[in-house]
Amino acid sequence: MTMNYMSYRRKKYLLPLACAFYFSGVFLFLALYIYFYKNGLPGVIYNDIAVLYFMRNMLITGLFFATYYLYTFKNKKEKHGKTVIYATYLWCMLHLVMAILYSIRITPISFQLVDTETFEWLRPWRGSFI
């Protein structure tokens, strides 16, 4: 998709879609890294992977909406195409940074999706995004 976009610059709708697949791979790599190399309680590792999965789903949803918007207005001459592309990059970087900060627990606020003892989804999150 990226090569197709580089060949035909008019297909701006391919760029958020390529970012969606690329960042999905990055989140998968981070989840596998946490699973295999992070020492800690299994419940904490499970919660960190759930946080990465949640951030990945939010990121993919936003990128698909950006792709749909750009595809809908692909034939019209508009001023907002570059703004949507830059907002897409900002959306990707924001989610990647937040996922990394929450998964390595640097932030003072914890993002608890899973009970670390019973491996059950906590009440507000039960079945809401899976």
C-alpha atoms as a PDB file:
ATOM      1  CA  MET A   1       0.000   0.000   0.000  1.00  0.00           C
ATOM      2  CA  THR A   2       2.819   2.359   0.790  1.00  0.00           C
ATOM      3  CA  MET A   3       4.495   1.644  -2.548  1.00  0.00           C
ATOM      4  CA  ASN A   4       1.179   2.184  -4.336  1.00  0.00           C
ATOM      5  CA  TYR A   5       0.788   5.521  -2.547  1.00  0.00           C
ATOM      6  CA  MET A   6       4.334   6.529  -3.485  1.00  0.00           C
ATOM      7  CA  SER A   7       3.609   5.707  -7.122  1.00  0.00           C
ATOM      8  CA  TYR A   8       0.254   7.469  -7.250  1.00  0.00           C
ATOM      9  CA  ARG A   9       0.202  10.401  -4.855  1.00  0.00           C
ATOM     10  CA  ARG A  10      -3.468  10.999  -5.546  1.00  0.00           C
ATOM     11  CA  LYS A  11      -4.436   7.906  -3.531  1.00  0.00           C
ATOM     12  CA  LYS A  12      -4.154   9.564  -0.149  1.00  0.00           C
ATOM     13  CA  TYR A  13      -6.643   7.134   1.347  1.00  0.00           C
ATOM     14  CA  LEU A  14      -4.019   4.363   1.213  1.00  0.00           C
ATOM     15  CA  LEU A  15      -1.726   6.060   3.715  1.00  0.00           C
ATOM     16  CA  PRO A  16      -3.910   5.681   6.850  1.00  0.00           C
ATOM     17  CA  LEU A  17      -4.676   2.118   5.813  1.00  0.00           C
ATOM     18  CA  ALA A  18      -0.962   1.349   5.495  1.00  0.00           C
ATOM     19  CA  CYS A  19      -0.387   2.955   8.907  1.00  0.00           C
ATOM     20  CA  ALA A  20      -3.132   0.754  10.362  1.00  0.00           C
ATOM     21  CA  PHE A  21      -1.430  -2.423   9.216  1.00  0.00           C
ATOM     22  CA  TYR A  22       2.035  -1.181  10.151  1.00  0.00           C
ATOM     23  CA  PHE A  23       1.076  -0.138  13.678  1.00  0.00           C
ATOM     24  CA  SER A  24      -0.907  -3.337  14.144  1.00  0.00           C
ATOM     25  CA  GLY A  25       2.364  -5.179  13.563  1.00  0.00           C
ATOM     26  CA  VAL A  26       4.173  -2.876  15.993  1.00  0.00           C
ATOM     27  CA  PHE A  27       1.596  -3.567  18.700  1.00  0.00           C
ATOM     28  CA  LEU A  28       1.869  -7.305  18.033  1.00  0.00           C
ATOM     29  CA  PHE A  29       5.649  -7.070  18.412  1.00  0.00           C
ATOM     30  CA  LEU A  30       5.265  -5.155  21.689  1.00  0.00           C
ATOM     31  CA  ALA A  31       2.797  -7.730  23.025  1.00  0.00           C
ATOM     32  CA  LEU A  32       5.119 -10.599  22.133  1.00  0.00           C
ATOM     33  CA  TYR A  33       8.051  -8.769  23.689  1.00  0.00           C
ATOM     34  CA  ILE A  34       6.109  -8.275  26.922  1.00  0.00           C
ATOM     35  CA  TYR A  35       4.984 -11.894  26.933  1.00  0.00           C
ATOM     36  CA  PHE A  36       8.415 -13.430  26.379  1.00  0.00           C
ATOM     37  CA  TYR A  37      10.837 -10.989  28.011  1.00  0.00           C
ATOM     38  CA  LYS A  38       9.038  -9.193  30.815  1.00  0.00           C
ATOM     39  CA  ASN A  39       9.469 -10.711  34.247  1.00  0.00           C
ATOM     40  CA  GLY A  40       6.570 -10.321  36.596  1.00  0.00           C
ATOM     41  CA  LEU A  41       3.300 -11.756  37.693  1.00  0.00           C
ATOM     42  CA  PRO A  42       1.243 -13.402  34.949  1.00  0.00           C
ATOM     43  CA  GLY A  43      -1.723 -11.164  35.802  1.00  0.00           C
ATOM     44  CA  VAL A  44       0.329  -8.013  35.255  1.00  0.00           C
ATOM     45  CA  ILE A  45       1.633  -9.312  31.930  1.00  0.00           C
ATOM     46  CA  TYR A  46      -1.915 -10.248  30.913  1.00  0.00           C
ATOM     47  CA  ASN A  47      -3.136  -6.747  31.799  1.00  0.00           C
ATOM     48  CA  ASP A  48      -0.299  -5.124  29.829  1.00  0.00           C
ATOM     49  CA  ILE A  49      -1.179  -7.175  26.757  1.00  0.00           C
ATOM     50  CA  ALA A  50      -4.865  -6.259  27.208  1.00  0.00           C
ATOM     51  CA  VAL A  51      -3.891  -2.562  27.340  1.00  0.00           C
ATOM     52  CA  LEU A  52      -1.911  -2.951  24.107  1.00  0.00           C
ATOM     53  CA  TYR A  53      -4.861  -4.727  22.493  1.00  0.00           C
ATOM     54  CA  PHE A  54      -7.261  -1.984  23.583  1.00  0.00           C
ATOM     55  CA  MET A  55      -4.968   0.765  22.251  1.00  0.00           C
ATOM     56  CA  ARG A  56      -4.529  -1.156  18.993  1.00  0.00           C
ATOM     57  CA  ASN A  57      -8.291  -1.416  18.515  1.00  0.00           C
ATOM     58  CA  MET A  58      -8.777   2.300  19.167  1.00  0.00           C
ATOM     59  CA  LEU A  59      -5.955   3.138  16.755  1.00  0.00           C
ATOM     60  CA  ILE A  60      -7.269   0.892  13.984  1.00  0.00           C
ATOM     61  CA  THR A  61     -10.782   2.310  14.371  1.00  0.00           C
ATOM     62  CA  GLY A  62      -9.551   5.883  14.008  1.00  0.00           C
ATOM     63  CA  LEU A  63      -7.391   5.007  11.016  1.00  0.00           C
ATOM     64  CA  PHE A  64     -10.244   3.246   9.250  1.00  0.00           C
ATOM     65  CA  PHE A  65     -12.424   6.314   9.769  1.00  0.00           C
ATOM     66  CA  ALA A  66      -9.650   8.491   8.303  1.00  0.00           C
ATOM     67  CA  THR A  67      -9.353   6.104   5.347  1.00  0.00           C
ATOM     68  CA  TYR A  68     -13.098   6.206   4.775  1.00  0.00           C
ATOM     69  CA  TYR A  69     -13.108  10.006   4.920  1.00  0.00           C
ATOM     70  CA  LEU A  70     -10.243  10.313   2.444  1.00  0.00           C
ATOM     71  CA  TYR A  71     -11.737   7.688   0.124  1.00  0.00           C
ATOM     72  CA  THR A  72     -15.141   9.402   0.132  1.00  0.00           C
ATOM     73  CA  PHE A  73     -13.667  12.722  -0.947  1.00  0.00           C
ATOM     74  CA  LYS A  74     -10.896  11.383  -3.190  1.00  0.00           C
ATOM     75  CA  ASN A  75     -12.200  12.985  -6.386  1.00  0.00           C
ATOM     76  CA  LYS A  76     -13.055  16.352  -4.882  1.00  0.00           C
ATOM     77  CA  LYS A  77     -10.469  19.031  -4.550  1.00  0.00           C
ATOM     78  CA  GLU A  78     -10.270  19.822  -0.882  1.00  0.00           C
ATOM     79  CA  LYS A  79      -8.040  21.658   1.513  1.00  0.00           C
ATOM     80  CA  HIS A  80      -8.338  19.194   4.390  1.00  0.00           C
ATOM     81  CA  GLY A  81      -6.534  16.196   2.849  1.00  0.00           C
ATOM     82  CA  LYS A  82      -3.133  17.041   4.290  1.00  0.00           C
ATOM     83  CA  THR A  83      -4.680  17.952   7.625  1.00  0.00           C
ATOM     84  CA  VAL A  84      -6.295  14.524   7.849  1.00  0.00           C
ATOM     85  CA  ILE A  85      -2.975  12.854   6.963  1.00  0.00           C
ATOM     86  CA  TYR A  86      -1.100  14.797   9.655  1.00  0.00           C
ATOM     87  CA  ALA A  87      -3.863  14.142  12.177  1.00  0.00           C
ATOM     88  CA  THR A  88      -3.549  10.452  11.295  1.00  0.00           C
ATOM     89  CA  TYR A  89       0.180  10.505  12.062  1.00  0.00           C
ATOM     90  CA  LEU A  90      -0.479  12.321  15.322  1.00  0.00           C
ATOM     91  CA  TRP A  91      -3.215   9.798  16.215  1.00  0.00           C
ATOM     92  CA  CYS A  92      -0.789   6.905  15.568  1.00  0.00           C
ATOM     93  CA  MET A  93       2.062   8.374  17.584  1.00  0.00           C
ATOM     94  CA  LEU A  94      -0.213   9.330  20.470  1.00  0.00           C
ATOM     95  CA  HIS A  95      -1.609   5.800  20.748  1.00  0.00           C
ATOM     96  CA  LEU A  96       1.816   4.210  20.429  1.00  0.00           C
ATOM     97  CA  VAL A  97       3.313   6.419  23.147  1.00  0.00           C
ATOM     98  CA  MET A  98       0.322   5.915  25.461  1.00  0.00           C
ATOM     99  CA  ALA A  99       0.429   2.148  24.990  1.00  0.00           C
ATOM    100  CA  ILE A 100       4.140   2.007  25.740  1.00  0.00           C
ATOM    101  CA  LEU A 101       3.824   4.244  28.796  1.00  0.00           C
ATOM    102  CA  TYR A 102       0.905   2.249  30.197  1.00  0.00           C
ATOM    103  CA  SER A 103       2.480  -1.118  29.485  1.00  0.00           C
ATOM    104  CA  ILE A 104       5.796  -0.279  31.182  1.00  0.00           C
ATOM    105  CA  ARG A 105       3.965   1.522  34.005  1.00  0.00           C
ATOM    106  CA  ILE A 106       5.684   4.918  33.939  1.00  0.00           C
ATOM    107  CA  THR A 107       2.449   6.883  34.231  1.00  0.00           C
ATOM    108  CA  PRO A 108       1.144   7.661  37.718  1.00  0.00           C
ATOM    109  CA  ILE A 109      -2.371   6.558  36.696  1.00  0.00           C
ATOM    110  CA  SER A 110      -2.772   2.833  36.136  1.00  0.00           C
ATOM    111  CA  PHE A 111      -4.933   1.499  33.350  1.00  0.00           C
ATOM    112  CA  GLN A 112      -6.309  -1.690  34.830  1.00  0.00           C
ATOM    113  CA  LEU A 113      -8.352  -3.817  32.416  1.00  0.00           C
ATOM    114  CA  VAL A 114      -7.818  -7.210  34.041  1.00  0.00           C
ATOM    115  CA  ASP A 115      -7.864  -8.355  37.651  1.00  0.00           C
ATOM    116  CA  THR A 116      -4.310  -9.539  38.269  1.00  0.00           C
ATOM    117  CA  GLU A 117      -5.306 -12.369  40.593  1.00  0.00           C
ATOM    118  CA  THR A 118      -8.286 -13.952  38.853  1.00  0.00           C
ATOM    119  CA  PHE A 119      -7.522 -12.925  35.234  1.00  0.00           C
ATOM    120  CA  GLU A 120     -11.115 -11.679  34.907  1.00  0.00           C
ATOM    121  CA  TRP A 121     -12.041  -8.536  33.002  1.00  0.00           C
ATOM    122  CA  LEU A 122     -12.867  -5.714  35.359  1.00  0.00           C
ATOM    123  CA  ARG A 123     -16.489  -4.614  35.390  1.00  0.00           C
ATOM    124  CA  PRO A 124     -16.506  -1.561  33.090  1.00  0.00           C
ATOM    125  CA  TRP A 125     -14.443  -3.363  30.449  1.00  0.00           C
ATOM    126  CA  ARG A 126     -16.148  -6.753  30.395  1.00  0.00           C
ATOM    127  CA  GLY A 127     -16.890  -7.517  26.758  1.00  0.00           C
ATOM    128  CA  SER A 128     -16.853  -3.893  25.654  1.00  0.00           C
ATOM    129  CA  PHE A 129     -14.129  -4.176  23.041  1.00  0.00           C
ATOM    130  CA  ILE A 130     -13.553  -7.863  22.416  1.00  0.00           C
END
